[in-house]
Amino acid sequence: MSGLGVYDGDYLVVDRAIEPKVGSVVVARIGPEFTVKTYGIANGKPVLIPANPAFETIVIGEFEESELWGVVLWNLHKLHD
């Protein structure tokens, strides 16, 4: 997710009570896995847009159990060892 400025080992502050807006960075659950993507709308359906163009956009609920888990408010990452 480095395209969003999120790196391995970062801490995300997530608010599960607010609704995402188009362009929000969200944590979503697709099956048993969690992912961080950008929220969008395509053809009237909610979608998860990857930062890496090599991956496809995911239509929420199209293929397997999924849910928007929360909206990322803050990203904390270490700058110095």
N, C-alpha and C. Protein backbone atom coordinates (compact mmCIF):
# COMPACT_ATOMS: atom_id res chain seq x y z
N MET A 1 0.81 -1.20 0.00
CA MET A 1 0.00 0.00 0.00
C MET A 1 0.86 1.26 0.00
N SER A 2 2.10 1.14 -0.39
CA SER A 2 2.97 2.30 -0.35
C SER A 2 2.44 3.44 -1.22
N GLY A 3 1.59 3.16 -2.18
CA GLY A 3 0.98 4.22 -2.98
C GLY A 3 0.08 5.12 -2.16
N LEU A 4 -0.36 4.63 -1.02
CA LEU A 4 -1.18 5.43 -0.11
C LEU A 4 -0.36 5.96 1.05
N GLY A 5 0.93 5.65 1.07
CA GLY A 5 1.77 6.06 2.19
C GLY A 5 1.66 5.14 3.38
N VAL A 6 1.12 3.94 3.19
CA VAL A 6 1.00 2.95 4.26
C VAL A 6 2.05 1.88 4.00
N TYR A 7 2.89 1.63 5.00
CA TYR A 7 4.00 0.68 4.85
C TYR A 7 3.89 -0.44 5.89
N ASP A 8 4.54 -1.55 5.61
CA ASP A 8 4.59 -2.68 6.53
C ASP A 8 5.09 -2.21 7.89
N GLY A 9 4.37 -2.53 8.94
CA GLY A 9 4.76 -2.14 10.29
C GLY A 9 4.12 -0.84 10.76
N ASP A 10 3.43 -0.12 9.89
CA ASP A 10 2.74 1.10 10.30
C ASP A 10 1.57 0.77 11.21
N TYR A 11 1.18 1.75 12.01
CA TYR A 11 -0.01 1.65 12.85
C TYR A 11 -1.08 2.54 12.23
N LEU A 12 -2.28 1.98 12.05
CA LEU A 12 -3.40 2.73 11.51
C LEU A 12 -4.41 2.99 12.61
N VAL A 13 -4.90 4.22 12.68
CA VAL A 13 -5.99 4.57 13.58
C VAL A 13 -7.25 4.54 12.73
N VAL A 14 -8.18 3.66 13.10
CA VAL A 14 -9.37 3.40 12.28
C VAL A 14 -10.62 3.74 13.08
N ASP A 15 -11.54 4.44 12.46
CA ASP A 15 -12.84 4.75 13.07
C ASP A 15 -13.88 3.87 12.41
N ARG A 16 -14.48 3.00 13.19
CA ARG A 16 -15.48 2.08 12.65
C ARG A 16 -16.88 2.68 12.65
N ALA A 17 -17.05 3.86 13.25
CA ALA A 17 -18.38 4.45 13.40
C ALA A 17 -18.76 5.38 12.25
N ILE A 18 -17.79 5.82 11.44
CA ILE A 18 -18.14 6.76 10.38
C ILE A 18 -18.25 6.05 9.04
N GLU A 19 -19.06 6.63 8.17
CA GLU A 19 -19.25 6.08 6.83
C GLU A 19 -18.15 6.61 5.92
N PRO A 20 -17.61 5.76 5.05
CA PRO A 20 -16.58 6.24 4.13
C PRO A 20 -17.17 7.14 3.06
N LYS A 21 -16.36 8.06 2.60
CA LYS A 21 -16.70 8.90 1.45
C LYS A 21 -15.82 8.44 0.29
N VAL A 22 -16.22 8.76 -0.91
CA VAL A 22 -15.39 8.44 -2.07
C VAL A 22 -14.02 9.06 -1.85
N GLY A 23 -12.98 8.24 -1.98
CA GLY A 23 -11.61 8.71 -1.77
C GLY A 23 -11.08 8.40 -0.38
N SER A 24 -11.95 7.94 0.54
CA SER A 24 -11.48 7.56 1.88
C SER A 24 -10.59 6.34 1.80
N VAL A 25 -9.57 6.30 2.64
CA VAL A 25 -8.78 5.08 2.80
C VAL A 25 -9.50 4.24 3.84
N VAL A 26 -9.74 2.98 3.52
CA VAL A 26 -10.53 2.11 4.40
C VAL A 26 -9.81 0.80 4.67
N VAL A 27 -10.18 0.19 5.78
CA VAL A 27 -9.81 -1.19 6.06
C VAL A 27 -11.05 -2.02 5.75
N ALA A 28 -10.88 -3.06 4.95
CA ALA A 28 -11.99 -3.92 4.58
C ALA A 28 -11.61 -5.37 4.83
N ARG A 29 -12.64 -6.17 5.05
CA ARG A 29 -12.43 -7.62 5.19
C ARG A 29 -13.01 -8.29 3.96
N ILE A 30 -12.17 -9.05 3.27
CA ILE A 30 -12.58 -9.83 2.11
C ILE A 30 -12.35 -11.28 2.49
N GLY A 31 -13.43 -12.02 2.73
CA GLY A 31 -13.28 -13.38 3.27
C GLY A 31 -12.61 -13.28 4.62
N PRO A 32 -11.58 -14.08 4.86
CA PRO A 32 -10.90 -14.03 6.16
C PRO A 32 -9.76 -13.00 6.23
N GLU A 33 -9.48 -12.31 5.13
CA GLU A 33 -8.33 -11.41 5.06
C GLU A 33 -8.74 -9.94 5.18
N PHE A 34 -7.87 -9.15 5.80
CA PHE A 34 -8.07 -7.70 5.86
C PHE A 34 -7.17 -7.04 4.83
N THR A 35 -7.64 -5.91 4.29
CA THR A 35 -6.89 -5.17 3.30
C THR A 35 -7.12 -3.68 3.49
N VAL A 36 -6.19 -2.87 3.01
CA VAL A 36 -6.32 -1.41 3.04
C VAL A 36 -6.41 -0.94 1.60
N LYS A 37 -7.49 -0.24 1.27
CA LYS A 37 -7.74 0.23 -0.09
C LYS A 37 -8.41 1.60 -0.03
N THR A 38 -8.56 2.20 -1.20
CA THR A 38 -9.32 3.44 -1.33
C THR A 38 -10.76 3.09 -1.69
N TYR A 39 -11.69 3.74 -1.00
CA TYR A 39 -13.12 3.50 -1.23
C TYR A 39 -13.60 4.32 -2.42
N GLY A 40 -14.45 3.70 -3.25
CA GLY A 40 -15.03 4.40 -4.38
C GLY A 40 -16.38 3.84 -4.74
N ILE A 41 -16.99 4.42 -5.74
CA ILE A 41 -18.27 3.96 -6.28
C ILE A 41 -18.07 3.78 -7.78
N ALA A 42 -18.48 2.62 -8.30
CA ALA A 42 -18.42 2.36 -9.74
C ALA A 42 -19.71 1.67 -10.15
N ASN A 43 -20.37 2.23 -11.13
CA ASN A 43 -21.66 1.69 -11.61
C ASN A 43 -22.66 1.54 -10.46
N GLY A 44 -22.63 2.50 -9.53
CA GLY A 44 -23.58 2.51 -8.42
C GLY A 44 -23.25 1.54 -7.31
N LYS A 45 -22.11 0.85 -7.39
CA LYS A 45 -21.74 -0.14 -6.38
C LYS A 45 -20.48 0.31 -5.65
N PRO A 46 -20.38 -0.01 -4.35
CA PRO A 46 -19.16 0.33 -3.61
C PRO A 46 -18.01 -0.56 -4.05
N VAL A 47 -16.84 0.06 -4.22
CA VAL A 47 -15.65 -0.68 -4.67
C VAL A 47 -14.45 -0.31 -3.82
N LEU A 48 -13.47 -1.21 -3.84
CA LEU A 48 -12.18 -1.00 -3.19
C LEU A 48 -11.13 -0.87 -4.28
N ILE A 49 -10.46 0.26 -4.31
CA ILE A 49 -9.51 0.55 -5.38
C ILE A 49 -8.09 0.37 -4.85
N PRO A 50 -7.31 -0.52 -5.45
CA PRO A 50 -5.94 -0.74 -4.98
C PRO A 50 -5.02 0.40 -5.40
N ALA A 51 -3.98 0.63 -4.60
CA ALA A 51 -2.97 1.64 -4.95
C ALA A 51 -2.08 1.13 -6.08
N ASN A 52 -1.90 -0.19 -6.17
CA ASN A 52 -1.06 -0.80 -7.18
C ASN A 52 -1.91 -1.10 -8.42
N PRO A 53 -1.60 -0.49 -9.56
CA PRO A 53 -2.41 -0.70 -10.76
C PRO A 53 -2.35 -2.13 -11.31
N ALA A 54 -1.44 -2.95 -10.80
CA ALA A 54 -1.37 -4.35 -11.24
C ALA A 54 -2.51 -5.19 -10.66
N PHE A 55 -3.19 -4.66 -9.63
CA PHE A 55 -4.30 -5.37 -9.01
C PHE A 55 -5.63 -4.79 -9.49
N GLU A 56 -6.66 -5.62 -9.46
CA GLU A 56 -7.98 -5.20 -9.92
C GLU A 56 -8.79 -4.55 -8.81
N THR A 57 -9.71 -3.68 -9.21
CA THR A 57 -10.67 -3.09 -8.29
C THR A 57 -11.61 -4.20 -7.82
N ILE A 58 -11.97 -4.15 -6.54
CA ILE A 58 -12.83 -5.16 -5.93
C ILE A 58 -14.21 -4.55 -5.72
N VAL A 59 -15.25 -5.19 -6.25
CA VAL A 59 -16.62 -4.77 -5.98
C VAL A 59 -17.02 -5.43 -4.66
N ILE A 60 -17.38 -4.62 -3.68
CA ILE A 60 -17.69 -5.15 -2.35
C ILE A 60 -18.93 -6.03 -2.43
N GLY A 61 -18.80 -7.27 -1.93
CA GLY A 61 -19.89 -8.21 -1.89
C GLY A 61 -20.14 -8.98 -3.17
N GLU A 62 -19.30 -8.78 -4.18
CA GLU A 62 -19.54 -9.44 -5.46
C GLU A 62 -19.20 -10.93 -5.45
N PHE A 63 -18.07 -11.31 -4.86
CA PHE A 63 -17.64 -12.70 -4.96
C PHE A 63 -17.64 -13.48 -3.66
N GLU A 64 -17.29 -12.84 -2.56
CA GLU A 64 -17.24 -13.55 -1.29
C GLU A 64 -17.65 -12.59 -0.18
N GLU A 65 -17.78 -13.15 1.00
CA GLU A 65 -18.19 -12.33 2.14
C GLU A 65 -17.21 -11.18 2.35
N SER A 66 -17.75 -9.99 2.46
CA SER A 66 -16.89 -8.82 2.63
C SER A 66 -17.62 -7.76 3.45
N GLU A 67 -16.83 -6.90 4.06
CA GLU A 67 -17.41 -5.78 4.80
C GLU A 67 -16.39 -4.64 4.88
N LEU A 68 -16.91 -3.43 4.90
CA LEU A 68 -16.07 -2.28 5.19
C LEU A 68 -15.90 -2.26 6.70
N TRP A 69 -14.69 -2.41 7.15
CA TRP A 69 -14.42 -2.55 8.58
C TRP A 69 -14.28 -1.19 9.25
N GLY A 70 -13.72 -0.19 8.54
CA GLY A 70 -13.58 1.13 9.12
C GLY A 70 -12.81 2.07 8.21
N VAL A 71 -12.85 3.35 8.57
CA VAL A 71 -12.16 4.39 7.81
C VAL A 71 -10.86 4.75 8.52
N VAL A 72 -9.77 4.79 7.76
CA VAL A 72 -8.47 5.13 8.34
C VAL A 72 -8.41 6.65 8.54
N LEU A 73 -8.16 7.05 9.79
CA LEU A 73 -8.05 8.47 10.12
C LEU A 73 -6.60 8.92 10.21
N TRP A 74 -5.74 8.05 10.72
CA TRP A 74 -4.33 8.38 10.93
C TRP A 74 -3.47 7.19 10.54
N ASN A 75 -2.28 7.49 10.06
CA ASN A 75 -1.27 6.49 9.75
C ASN A 75 0.00 6.89 10.48
N LEU A 76 0.48 6.04 11.35
CA LEU A 76 1.69 6.32 12.12
C LEU A 76 2.79 5.37 11.69
N HIS A 77 3.93 5.93 11.29
CA HIS A 77 5.05 5.05 10.96
C HIS A 77 6.35 5.61 11.54
N LYS A 78 7.20 4.69 11.85
CA LYS A 78 8.45 5.00 12.49
C LYS A 78 9.41 5.68 11.51
N LEU A 79 10.05 6.74 11.96
CA LEU A 79 11.00 7.45 11.10
C LEU A 79 12.45 7.14 11.43
N HIS A 80 12.70 6.61 12.62
CA HIS A 80 14.08 6.38 13.04
C HIS A 80 14.13 5.12 13.89
N ASP A 81 15.17 4.33 13.72
CA ASP A 81 15.34 3.11 14.54
C ASP A 81 15.78 3.44 15.93
